[in-house]
Amino acid sequence: LRPDGWMMGPNHQLIFWVPPASRHPFYSPGTAMVIPRGGVELDLSRMAHGTRWSSCRDA
């Protein structure tokens, strides 16, 4: 996770943006172990990605 909130892929492509309030703690691709209790869980069921990316708008 970059300091500006963007999660980067292995080839440095932007994957998704995380709002400031949800950035800490956050798992990154370099995470060696995940301890689930008390961690961040993201509901990605309504995430705009792929061809739906253009449907993003300001809340």
Protein backbone atom coordinates (compact mmCIF):
# COMPACT_ATOMS: atom_id res chain seq x y z
CA LEU A 1 0.00 0.00 0.00
CA ARG A 2 1.53 3.29 -1.10
CA PRO A 3 1.44 6.33 1.24
CA ASP A 4 -1.22 7.92 -1.01
CA GLY A 5 -3.55 4.94 -0.45
CA TRP A 6 -3.10 3.06 -3.74
CA MET A 7 -2.53 -0.69 -3.62
CA MET A 8 0.02 -1.64 -6.26
CA GLY A 9 0.25 -4.87 -8.23
CA PRO A 10 3.46 -6.85 -8.87
CA ASN A 11 4.17 -4.82 -12.04
CA HIS A 12 3.51 -1.49 -10.26
CA GLN A 13 0.00 -1.11 -11.73
CA LEU A 14 -2.65 0.60 -9.59
CA ILE A 15 -5.07 -2.02 -8.25
CA PHE A 16 -7.42 -0.08 -5.95
CA TRP A 17 -7.46 2.96 -3.63
CA VAL A 18 -8.01 2.71 0.14
CA PRO A 19 -9.59 5.68 1.99
CA PRO A 20 -7.41 7.23 4.75
CA ALA A 21 -9.60 5.91 7.59
CA SER A 22 -9.09 2.31 6.37
CA ARG A 23 -5.34 2.36 5.70
CA HIS A 24 -4.01 1.26 9.08
CA PRO A 25 -3.64 -1.64 9.66
CA PHE A 26 -3.70 -3.00 6.12
CA TYR A 27 -2.27 -6.10 4.52
CA SER A 28 0.21 -5.67 1.68
CA PRO A 29 1.55 -8.15 -0.90
CA GLY A 30 4.65 -8.52 1.31
CA THR A 31 2.62 -9.78 4.29
CA ALA A 32 4.18 -13.05 5.48
CA MET A 33 1.40 -14.09 7.86
CA VAL A 34 -2.18 -12.97 8.47
CA ILE A 35 -3.68 -13.08 11.95
CA PRO A 36 -7.40 -12.58 11.26
CA ARG A 37 -8.82 -11.25 14.56
CA GLY A 38 -8.78 -7.47 14.71
CA GLY A 39 -7.55 -7.09 11.15
CA VAL A 40 -9.07 -5.12 8.31
CA GLU A 41 -11.71 -6.86 6.21
CA LEU A 42 -12.84 -5.32 2.94
CA ASP A 43 -16.20 -6.03 1.32
CA LEU A 44 -15.27 -5.95 -2.37
CA SER A 45 -18.69 -7.08 -3.61
CA ARG A 46 -19.48 -3.55 -4.89
CA MET A 47 -15.94 -2.61 -5.93
CA ALA A 48 -15.75 -0.94 -9.35
CA HIS A 49 -12.99 -2.64 -11.35
CA GLY A 50 -12.30 -3.79 -14.88
CA THR A 51 -14.91 -2.43 -17.28
CA ARG A 52 -16.92 -1.03 -14.32
CA TRP A 53 -14.06 1.35 -13.35
CA SER A 54 -15.71 4.16 -15.33
CA SER A 55 -18.75 4.01 -13.01
CA CYS A 56 -16.71 5.47 -10.10
CA ARG A 57 -17.84 8.86 -8.84
CA ASP A 58 -17.39 11.14 -5.83
CA ALA A 59 -19.62 10.26 -2.89
